[in-house]
């Protein structure tokens, strides 16, 4: 699997911005078939940083309703990557 295909996009929320500034952690939306080792390898190859730890969360899609129609948002997977001391991801800084 190509490491560029594994990481879907960075996750930019208030909580992810807070942990990036305080704890040196970066959040990504990853593919559903990703695991810790493949995410670690993909982040190290694509962003040229050293990874200390990876946490994976399965996010369940919310049920939504519009009048009489009931639907569901898609399920997705979130990866919280802890970087080594002194490492930084540059594309968040602009």
PDB file of N, CA and C in Angstrom:
ATOM      1  N   UNK A   1       0.834  -1.179   0.000  1.00  0.00           N
ATOM      2  CA  UNK A   1       0.000   0.000   0.000  1.00  0.00           C
ATOM      3  C   UNK A   1       0.885   1.250   0.000  1.00  0.00           C
ATOM      4  N   UNK A   2       0.510   2.202  -0.795  1.00  0.00           N
ATOM      5  CA  UNK A   2       1.234   3.460  -0.896  1.00  0.00           C
ATOM      6  C   UNK A   2       0.985   4.284   0.373  1.00  0.00           C
ATOM      7  N   UNK A   3       2.045   4.786   1.033  1.00  0.00           N
ATOM      8  CA  UNK A   3       1.832   5.555   2.264  1.00  0.00           C
ATOM      9  C   UNK A   3       1.044   6.845   2.061  1.00  0.00           C
ATOM     10  N   UNK A   4       1.075   7.403   0.865  1.00  0.00           N
ATOM     11  CA  UNK A   4       0.311   8.620   0.597  1.00  0.00           C
ATOM     12  C   UNK A   4      -1.191   8.330   0.544  1.00  0.00           C
ATOM     13  N   UNK A   5      -1.574   7.103   0.200  1.00  0.00           N
ATOM     14  CA  UNK A   5      -2.990   6.744   0.144  1.00  0.00           C
ATOM     15  C   UNK A   5      -3.558   6.410   1.514  1.00  0.00           C
ATOM     16  N   UNK A   6      -2.704   6.067   2.475  1.00  0.00           N
ATOM     17  CA  UNK A   6      -3.161   5.652   3.793  1.00  0.00           C
ATOM     18  C   UNK A   6      -3.691   6.831   4.606  1.00  0.00           C
ATOM     19  N   UNK A   7      -3.024   7.963   4.531  1.00  0.00           N
ATOM     20  CA  UNK A   7      -3.462   9.160   5.254  1.00  0.00           C
ATOM     21  C   UNK A   7      -4.419   9.936   4.356  1.00  0.00           C
ATOM     22  N   UNK A   8      -5.662  10.050   4.788  1.00  0.00           N
ATOM     23  CA  UNK A   8      -6.681  10.717   3.974  1.00  0.00           C
ATOM     24  C   UNK A   8      -6.508  12.233   4.040  1.00  0.00           C
ATOM     25  N   UNK A   9      -6.456  12.773   5.277  1.00  0.00           N
ATOM     26  CA  UNK A   9      -6.299  14.217   5.461  1.00  0.00           C
ATOM     27  C   UNK A   9      -5.943  14.482   6.912  1.00  0.00           C
ATOM     28  N   UNK A  10      -5.364  15.642   7.200  1.00  0.00           N
ATOM     29  CA  UNK A  10      -5.159  16.018   8.602  1.00  0.00           C
ATOM     30  C   UNK A  10      -6.491  16.424   9.220  1.00  0.00           C
ATOM     31  N   UNK A  11      -6.613  16.189  10.505  1.00  0.00           N
ATOM     32  CA  UNK A  11      -7.832  16.522  11.224  1.00  0.00           C
ATOM     33  C   UNK A  11      -7.605  17.826  11.970  1.00  0.00           C
ATOM     34  N   UNK A  12      -8.313  18.878  11.561  1.00  0.00           N
ATOM     35  CA  UNK A  12      -8.137  20.211  12.147  1.00  0.00           C
ATOM     36  C   UNK A  12      -9.385  20.588  12.932  1.00  0.00           C
ATOM     37  N   UNK A  13      -9.342  20.350  14.232  1.00  0.00           N
ATOM     38  CA  UNK A  13     -10.412  20.731  15.137  1.00  0.00           C
ATOM     39  C   UNK A  13      -9.794  21.528  16.279  1.00  0.00           C
ATOM     40  N   UNK A  14     -10.627  22.064  17.153  1.00  0.00           N
ATOM     41  CA  UNK A  14     -10.103  22.802  18.300  1.00  0.00           C
ATOM     42  C   UNK A  14      -9.315  21.887  19.225  1.00  0.00           C
ATOM     43  N   UNK A  15      -9.825  20.679  19.434  1.00  0.00           N
ATOM     44  CA  UNK A  15      -9.146  19.748  20.327  1.00  0.00           C
ATOM     45  C   UNK A  15      -7.818  19.275  19.733  1.00  0.00           C
ATOM     46  N   UNK A  16      -7.796  18.995  18.427  1.00  0.00           N
ATOM     47  CA  UNK A  16      -6.545  18.539  17.812  1.00  0.00           C
ATOM     48  C   UNK A  16      -5.502  19.657  17.773  1.00  0.00           C
ATOM     49  N   UNK A  17      -5.935  20.894  17.618  1.00  0.00           N
ATOM     50  CA  UNK A  17      -5.009  22.026  17.659  1.00  0.00           C
ATOM     51  C   UNK A  17      -4.436  22.196  19.061  1.00  0.00           C
ATOM     52  N   UNK A  18      -5.243  21.991  20.071  1.00  0.00           N
ATOM     53  CA  UNK A  18      -4.793  22.117  21.457  1.00  0.00           C
ATOM     54  C   UNK A  18      -3.762  21.048  21.815  1.00  0.00           C
ATOM     55  N   UNK A  19      -4.018  19.790  21.436  1.00  0.00           N
ATOM     56  CA  UNK A  19      -3.045  18.741  21.764  1.00  0.00           C
ATOM     57  C   UNK A  19      -1.795  18.838  20.899  1.00  0.00           C
ATOM     58  N   UNK A  20      -1.910  19.438  19.717  1.00  0.00           N
ATOM     59  CA  UNK A  20      -0.714  19.642  18.895  1.00  0.00           C
ATOM     60  C   UNK A  20       0.208  20.658  19.547  1.00  0.00           C
ATOM     61  N   UNK A  21      -0.349  21.719  20.109  1.00  0.00           N
ATOM     62  CA  UNK A  21       0.455  22.757  20.735  1.00  0.00           C
ATOM     63  C   UNK A  21       1.000  22.334  22.099  1.00  0.00           C
ATOM     64  N   UNK A  22       0.200  21.609  22.890  1.00  0.00           N
ATOM     65  CA  UNK A  22       0.605  21.284  24.254  1.00  0.00           C
ATOM     66  C   UNK A  22       1.375  19.965  24.368  1.00  0.00           C
ATOM     67  N   UNK A  23       0.984  18.941  23.608  1.00  0.00           N
ATOM     68  CA  UNK A  23       1.517  17.601  23.808  1.00  0.00           C
ATOM     69  C   UNK A  23       2.312  17.063  22.618  1.00  0.00           C
ATOM     70  N   UNK A  24       2.493  17.859  21.570  1.00  0.00           N
ATOM     71  CA  UNK A  24       3.246  17.457  20.377  1.00  0.00           C
ATOM     72  C   UNK A  24       2.618  16.231  19.704  1.00  0.00           C
ATOM     73  N   UNK A  25       1.285  16.253  19.558  1.00  0.00           N
ATOM     74  CA  UNK A  25       0.538  15.184  18.896  1.00  0.00           C
ATOM     75  C   UNK A  25      -0.168  15.751  17.681  1.00  0.00           C
ATOM     76  N   UNK A  26      -0.278  14.950  16.628  1.00  0.00           N
ATOM     77  CA  UNK A  26      -0.916  15.371  15.383  1.00  0.00           C
ATOM     78  C   UNK A  26      -2.019  14.367  15.059  1.00  0.00           C
ATOM     79  N   UNK A  27      -3.181  14.853  14.618  1.00  0.00           N
ATOM     80  CA  UNK A  27      -4.322  13.993  14.312  1.00  0.00           C
ATOM     81  C   UNK A  27      -4.534  13.904  12.801  1.00  0.00           C
ATOM     82  N   UNK A  28      -4.879  12.694  12.336  1.00  0.00           N
ATOM     83  CA  UNK A  28      -5.143  12.449  10.931  1.00  0.00           C
ATOM     84  C   UNK A  28      -6.392  11.591  10.785  1.00  0.00           C
ATOM     85  N   UNK A  29      -7.092  11.768   9.663  1.00  0.00           N
ATOM     86  CA  UNK A  29      -8.119  10.829   9.241  1.00  0.00           C
ATOM     87  C   UNK A  29      -7.410   9.828   8.344  1.00  0.00           C
ATOM     88  N   UNK A  30      -7.541   8.536   8.669  1.00  0.00           N
ATOM     89  CA  UNK A  30      -6.851   7.493   7.907  1.00  0.00           C
ATOM     90  C   UNK A  30      -7.873   6.520   7.341  1.00  0.00           C
ATOM     91  N   UNK A  31      -7.392   5.650   6.458  1.00  0.00           N
ATOM     92  CA  UNK A  31      -8.278   4.655   5.858  1.00  0.00           C
ATOM     93  C   UNK A  31      -8.761   3.661   6.900  1.00  0.00           C
ATOM     94  N   UNK A  32      -9.889   3.015   6.608  1.00  0.00           N
ATOM     95  CA  UNK A  32     -10.494   2.086   7.568  1.00  0.00           C
ATOM     96  C   UNK A  32      -9.643   0.837   7.794  1.00  0.00           C
ATOM     97  N   UNK A  33      -8.805   0.471   6.829  1.00  0.00           N
ATOM     98  CA  UNK A  33      -7.998  -0.743   6.977  1.00  0.00           C
ATOM     99  C   UNK A  33      -6.599  -0.458   7.543  1.00  0.00           C
ATOM    100  N   UNK A  34      -6.376   0.735   8.066  1.00  0.00           N
ATOM    101  CA  UNK A  34      -5.066   1.112   8.600  1.00  0.00           C
ATOM    102  C   UNK A  34      -4.882   0.555  10.009  1.00  0.00           C
ATOM    103  N   UNK A  35      -3.624   0.263  10.361  1.00  0.00           N
ATOM    104  CA  UNK A  35      -3.297  -0.125  11.734  1.00  0.00           C
ATOM    105  C   UNK A  35      -2.133   0.737  12.212  1.00  0.00           C
ATOM    106  N   UNK A  36      -1.674   0.499  13.444  1.00  0.00           N
ATOM    107  CA  UNK A  36      -0.670   1.371  14.053  1.00  0.00           C
ATOM    108  C   UNK A  36       0.647   1.386  13.287  1.00  0.00           C
ATOM    109  N   UNK A  37       1.128   0.221  12.901  1.00  0.00           N
ATOM    110  CA  UNK A  37       2.423   0.141  12.221  1.00  0.00           C
ATOM    111  C   UNK A  37       2.385   0.805  10.851  1.00  0.00           C
ATOM    112  N   UNK A  38       1.312   0.598  10.099  1.00  0.00           N
ATOM    113  CA  UNK A  38       1.245   1.206   8.767  1.00  0.00           C
ATOM    114  C   UNK A  38       1.095   2.723   8.858  1.00  0.00           C
ATOM    115  N   UNK A  39       0.349   3.210   9.860  1.00  0.00           N
ATOM    116  CA  UNK A  39       0.216   4.660  10.042  1.00  0.00           C
ATOM    117  C   UNK A  39       1.560   5.256  10.440  1.00  0.00           C
ATOM    118  N   UNK A  40       2.289   4.588  11.328  1.00  0.00           N
ATOM    119  CA  UNK A  40       3.606   5.078  11.752  1.00  0.00           C
ATOM    120  C   UNK A  40       4.556   5.161  10.567  1.00  0.00           C
ATOM    121  N   UNK A  41       4.584   4.118   9.757  1.00  0.00           N
ATOM    122  CA  UNK A  41       5.462   4.097   8.587  1.00  0.00           C
ATOM    123  C   UNK A  41       5.068   5.179   7.586  1.00  0.00           C
ATOM    124  N   UNK A  42       3.759   5.370   7.373  1.00  0.00           N
ATOM    125  CA  UNK A  42       3.289   6.364   6.409  1.00  0.00           C
ATOM    126  C   UNK A  42       3.620   7.786   6.861  1.00  0.00           C
ATOM    127  N   UNK A  43       3.451   8.084   8.151  1.00  0.00           N
ATOM    128  CA  UNK A  43       3.746   9.429   8.651  1.00  0.00           C
ATOM    129  C   UNK A  43       5.241   9.699   8.580  1.00  0.00           C
ATOM    130  N   UNK A  44       6.059   8.719   8.942  1.00  0.00           N
ATOM    131  CA  UNK A  44       7.506   8.921   8.902  1.00  0.00           C
ATOM    132  C   UNK A  44       8.013   9.114   7.476  1.00  0.00           C
ATOM    133  N   UNK A  45       7.448   8.384   6.511  1.00  0.00           N
ATOM    134  CA  UNK A  45       7.898   8.512   5.122  1.00  0.00           C
ATOM    135  C   UNK A  45       7.405   9.788   4.456  1.00  0.00           C
ATOM    136  N   UNK A  46       6.153  10.159   4.693  1.00  0.00           N
ATOM    137  CA  UNK A  46       5.602  11.309   3.974  1.00  0.00           C
ATOM    138  C   UNK A  46       5.989  12.643   4.597  1.00  0.00           C
ATOM    139  N   UNK A  47       6.097  12.702   5.926  1.00  0.00           N
ATOM    140  CA  UNK A  47       6.352  13.980   6.600  1.00  0.00           C
ATOM    141  C   UNK A  47       7.780  14.135   7.103  1.00  0.00           C
ATOM    142  N   UNK A  48       8.597  13.097   6.992  1.00  0.00           N
ATOM    143  CA  UNK A  48      10.000  13.121   7.417  1.00  0.00           C
ATOM    144  C   UNK A  48      10.152  13.520   8.882  1.00  0.00           C
ATOM    145  N   UNK A  49       9.402  12.870   9.764  1.00  0.00           N
ATOM    146  CA  UNK A  49       9.495  13.078  11.208  1.00  0.00           C
ATOM    147  C   UNK A  49       9.623  11.718  11.886  1.00  0.00           C
ATOM    148  N   UNK A  50      10.072  11.714  13.138  1.00  0.00           N
ATOM    149  CA  UNK A  50      10.157  10.496  13.938  1.00  0.00           C
ATOM    150  C   UNK A  50       8.903  10.375  14.792  1.00  0.00           C
ATOM    151  N   UNK A  51       8.285   9.203  14.772  1.00  0.00           N
ATOM    152  CA  UNK A  51       7.053   8.957  15.507  1.00  0.00           C
ATOM    153  C   UNK A  51       7.367   8.169  16.770  1.00  0.00           C
ATOM    154  N   UNK A  52       6.827   8.633  17.893  1.00  0.00           N
ATOM    155  CA  UNK A  52       7.022   7.950  19.168  1.00  0.00           C
ATOM    156  C   UNK A  52       5.919   6.921  19.416  1.00  0.00           C
ATOM    157  N   UNK A  53       4.647   7.312  19.174  1.00  0.00           N
ATOM    158  CA  UNK A  53       3.522   6.438  19.470  1.00  0.00           C
ATOM    159  C   UNK A  53       2.352   6.785  18.559  1.00  0.00           C
ATOM    160  N   UNK A  54       1.502   5.782  18.277  1.00  0.00           N
ATOM    161  CA  UNK A  54       0.308   5.993  17.459  1.00  0.00           C
ATOM    162  C   UNK A  54      -0.893   5.405  18.185  1.00  0.00           C
ATOM    163  N   UNK A  55      -1.966   6.192  18.301  1.00  0.00           N
ATOM    164  CA  UNK A  55      -3.240   5.717  18.839  1.00  0.00           C
ATOM    165  C   UNK A  55      -4.267   5.763  17.717  1.00  0.00           C
ATOM    166  N   UNK A  56      -5.078   4.698  17.607  1.00  0.00           N
ATOM    167  CA  UNK A  56      -6.088   4.585  16.565  1.00  0.00           C
ATOM    168  C   UNK A  56      -7.467   4.546  17.219  1.00  0.00           C
ATOM    169  N   UNK A  57      -8.416   5.315  16.674  1.00  0.00           N
ATOM    170  CA  UNK A  57      -9.789   5.321  17.169  1.00  0.00           C
ATOM    171  C   UNK A  57     -10.738   5.091  16.013  1.00  0.00           C
ATOM    172  N   UNK A  58     -11.725   4.214  16.217  1.00  0.00           N
ATOM    173  CA  UNK A  58     -12.795   4.027  15.249  1.00  0.00           C
ATOM    174  C   UNK A  58     -13.924   4.971  15.619  1.00  0.00           C
ATOM    175  N   UNK A  59     -14.237   5.895  14.740  1.00  0.00           N
ATOM    176  CA  UNK A  59     -15.274   6.880  14.982  1.00  0.00           C
ATOM    177  C   UNK A  59     -16.559   6.412  14.290  1.00  0.00           C
ATOM    178  N   UNK A  60     -17.620   6.285  15.060  1.00  0.00           N
ATOM    179  CA  UNK A  60     -18.897   5.816  14.541  1.00  0.00           C
ATOM    180  C   UNK A  60     -19.676   7.013  13.998  1.00  0.00           C
ATOM    181  N   UNK A  61     -20.236   6.863  12.794  1.00  0.00           N
ATOM    182  CA  UNK A  61     -21.000   7.935  12.170  1.00  0.00           C
ATOM    183  C   UNK A  61     -22.311   8.186  12.899  1.00  0.00           C
ATOM    184  N   UNK A  62     -22.688   9.448  12.978  1.00  0.00           N
ATOM    185  CA  UNK A  62     -23.907   9.827  13.684  1.00  0.00           C
ATOM    186  C   UNK A  62     -25.138   9.568  12.822  1.00  0.00           C
ATOM    187  N   UNK A  63     -26.248   9.263  13.472  1.00  0.00           N
ATOM    188  CA  UNK A  63     -27.517   9.151  12.769  1.00  0.00           C
ATOM    189  C   UNK A  63     -28.084  10.553  12.610  1.00  0.00           C
ATOM    190  N   UNK A  64     -28.525  10.873  11.423  1.00  0.00           N
ATOM    191  CA  UNK A  64     -29.089  12.185  11.123  1.00  0.00           C
ATOM    192  C   UNK A  64     -30.473  12.005  10.523  1.00  0.00           C
ATOM    193  N   UNK A  65     -31.318  13.002  10.744  1.00  0.00           N
ATOM    194  CA  UNK A  65     -32.686  12.920  10.276  1.00  0.00           C
ATOM    195  C   UNK A  65     -33.079  14.228   9.606  1.00  0.00           C
ATOM    196  N   UNK A  66     -33.744  14.129   8.475  1.00  0.00           N
ATOM    197  CA  UNK A  66     -34.291  15.275   7.772  1.00  0.00           C
ATOM    198  C   UNK A  66     -35.757  14.970   7.490  1.00  0.00           C
ATOM    199  N   UNK A  67     -36.632  15.586   8.253  1.00  0.00           N
ATOM    200  CA  UNK A  67     -38.072  15.333   8.205  1.00  0.00           C
ATOM    201  C   UNK A  67     -38.369  13.861   8.448  1.00  0.00           C
ATOM    202  N   UNK A  68     -38.879  13.158   7.460  1.00  0.00           N
ATOM    203  CA  UNK A  68     -39.216  11.748   7.662  1.00  0.00           C
ATOM    204  C   UNK A  68     -38.111  10.804   7.223  1.00  0.00           C
ATOM    205  N   UNK A  69     -37.029  11.337   6.678  1.00  0.00           N
ATOM    206  CA  UNK A  69     -35.938  10.506   6.183  1.00  0.00           C
ATOM    207  C   UNK A  69     -34.847  10.386   7.245  1.00  0.00           C
ATOM    208  N   UNK A  70     -34.409   9.182   7.471  1.00  0.00           N
ATOM    209  CA  UNK A  70     -33.355   8.929   8.452  1.00  0.00           C
ATOM    210  C   UNK A  70     -32.138   8.425   7.692  1.00  0.00           C
ATOM    211  N   UNK A  71     -30.989   9.001   7.985  1.00  0.00           N
ATOM    212  CA  UNK A  71     -29.753   8.589   7.345  1.00  0.00           C
ATOM    213  C   UNK A  71     -28.649   8.444   8.372  1.00  0.00           C
ATOM    214  N   UNK A  72     -27.460   8.138   7.893  1.00  0.00           N
ATOM    215  CA  UNK A  72     -26.324   7.951   8.787  1.00  0.00           C
ATOM    216  C   UNK A  72     -25.077   8.471   8.101  1.00  0.00           C
ATOM    217  N   UNK A  73     -24.247   9.189   8.871  1.00  0.00           N
ATOM    218  CA  UNK A  73     -22.956   9.619   8.347  1.00  0.00           C
ATOM    219  C   UNK A  73     -22.024   8.428   8.294  1.00  0.00           C
ATOM    220  N   UNK A  74     -21.000   8.538   7.492  1.00  0.00           N
ATOM    221  CA  UNK A  74     -20.076   7.421   7.315  1.00  0.00           C
ATOM    222  C   UNK A  74     -19.208   7.224   8.559  1.00  0.00           C
ATOM    223  N   UNK A  75     -18.843   5.957   8.832  1.00  0.00           N
ATOM    224  CA  UNK A  75     -17.876   5.654   9.874  1.00  0.00           C
ATOM    225  C   UNK A  75     -16.486   5.989   9.344  1.00  0.00           C
ATOM    226  N   UNK A  76     -15.567   6.370  10.250  1.00  0.00           N
ATOM    227  CA  UNK A  76     -14.219   6.716   9.832  1.00  0.00           C
ATOM    228  C   UNK A  76     -13.237   6.381  10.942  1.00  0.00           C
ATOM    229  N   UNK A  77     -11.959   6.457  10.630  1.00  0.00           N
ATOM    230  CA  UNK A  77     -10.916   6.095  11.578  1.00  0.00           C
ATOM    231  C   UNK A  77      -9.992   7.280  11.790  1.00  0.00           C
ATOM    232  N   UNK A  78      -9.658   7.528  13.071  1.00  0.00           N
ATOM    233  CA  UNK A  78      -8.804   8.651  13.436  1.00  0.00           C
ATOM    234  C   UNK A  78      -7.508   8.112  14.023  1.00  0.00           C
ATOM    235  N   UNK A  79      -6.398   8.733  13.657  1.00  0.00           N
ATOM    236  CA  UNK A  79      -5.093   8.378  14.198  1.00  0.00           C
ATOM    237  C   UNK A  79      -4.517   9.594  14.917  1.00  0.00           C
ATOM    238  N   UNK A  80      -4.100   9.392  16.172  1.00  0.00           N
ATOM    239  CA  UNK A  80      -3.421  10.431  16.943  1.00  0.00           C
ATOM    240  C   UNK A  80      -1.963  10.007  17.044  1.00  0.00           C
ATOM    241  N   UNK A  81      -1.080  10.777  16.418  1.00  0.00           N
ATOM    242  CA  UNK A  81       0.338  10.429  16.308  1.00  0.00           C
ATOM    243  C   UNK A  81       1.141  11.313  17.253  1.00  0.00           C
ATOM    244  N   UNK A  82       1.869  10.674  18.176  1.00  0.00           N
ATOM    245  CA  UNK A  82       2.752  11.398  19.075  1.00  0.00           C
ATOM    246  C   UNK A  82       4.133  11.463  18.445  1.00  0.00           C
ATOM    247  N   UNK A  83       4.666  12.677  18.290  1.00  0.00           N
ATOM    248  CA  UNK A  83       5.969  12.862  17.669  1.00  0.00           C
ATOM    249  C   UNK A  83       7.064  12.854  18.722  1.00  0.00           C
ATOM    250  N   UNK A  84       8.278  12.499  18.304  1.00  0.00           N
ATOM    251  CA  UNK A  84       9.425  12.531  19.211  1.00  0.00           C
ATOM    252  C   UNK A  84       9.709  13.970  19.638  1.00  0.00           C
ATOM    253  N   UNK A  85      10.438  14.097  20.739  1.00  0.00           N
ATOM    254  CA  UNK A  85      10.797  15.416  21.259  1.00  0.00           C
ATOM    255  C   UNK A  85      11.612  16.194  20.224  1.00  0.00           C
ATOM    256  N   UNK A  86      11.223  17.415  19.939  1.00  0.00           N
ATOM    257  CA  UNK A  86      11.935  18.256  18.981  1.00  0.00           C
ATOM    258  C   UNK A  86      11.449  18.133  17.551  1.00  0.00           C
ATOM    259  N   UNK A  87      10.581  17.163  17.243  1.00  0.00           N
ATOM    260  CA  UNK A  87      10.039  17.001  15.894  1.00  0.00           C
ATOM    261  C   UNK A  87       8.816  17.893  15.734  1.00  0.00           C
ATOM    262  N   UNK A  88       8.598  18.382  14.513  1.00  0.00           N
ATOM    263  CA  UNK A  88       7.485  19.284  14.238  1.00  0.00           C
ATOM    264  C   UNK A  88       7.018  19.063  12.813  1.00  0.00           C
ATOM    265  N   UNK A  89       5.705  19.178  12.596  1.00  0.00           N
ATOM    266  CA  UNK A  89       5.115  19.087  11.270  1.00  0.00           C
ATOM    267  C   UNK A  89       4.921  20.497  10.757  1.00  0.00           C
ATOM    268  N   UNK A  90       5.459  20.800   9.583  1.00  0.00           N
ATOM    269  CA  UNK A  90       5.500  22.174   9.096  1.00  0.00           C
ATOM    270  C   UNK A  90       4.201  22.654   8.452  1.00  0.00           C
ATOM    271  N   UNK A  91       3.379  21.772   7.884  1.00  0.00           N
ATOM    272  CA  UNK A  91       2.226  22.259   7.139  1.00  0.00           C
ATOM    273  C   UNK A  91       1.124  22.804   8.030  1.00  0.00           C
ATOM    274  N   UNK A  92       1.193  22.649   9.360  1.00  0.00           N
ATOM    275  CA  UNK A  92       0.220  23.263  10.247  1.00  0.00           C
ATOM    276  C   UNK A  92       0.616  24.688  10.620  1.00  0.00           C
ATOM    277  N   UNK A  93       1.841  25.085  10.392  1.00  0.00           N
ATOM    278  CA  UNK A  93       2.360  26.346  10.895  1.00  0.00           C
ATOM    279  C   UNK A  93       2.085  27.549  10.012  1.00  0.00           C
ATOM    280  N   UNK A  94       1.495  27.387   8.843  1.00  0.00           N
ATOM    281  CA  UNK A  94       1.294  28.529   7.963  1.00  0.00           C
ATOM    282  C   UNK A  94      -0.038  29.197   8.136  1.00  0.00           C
TER     283      UNK A  94
END
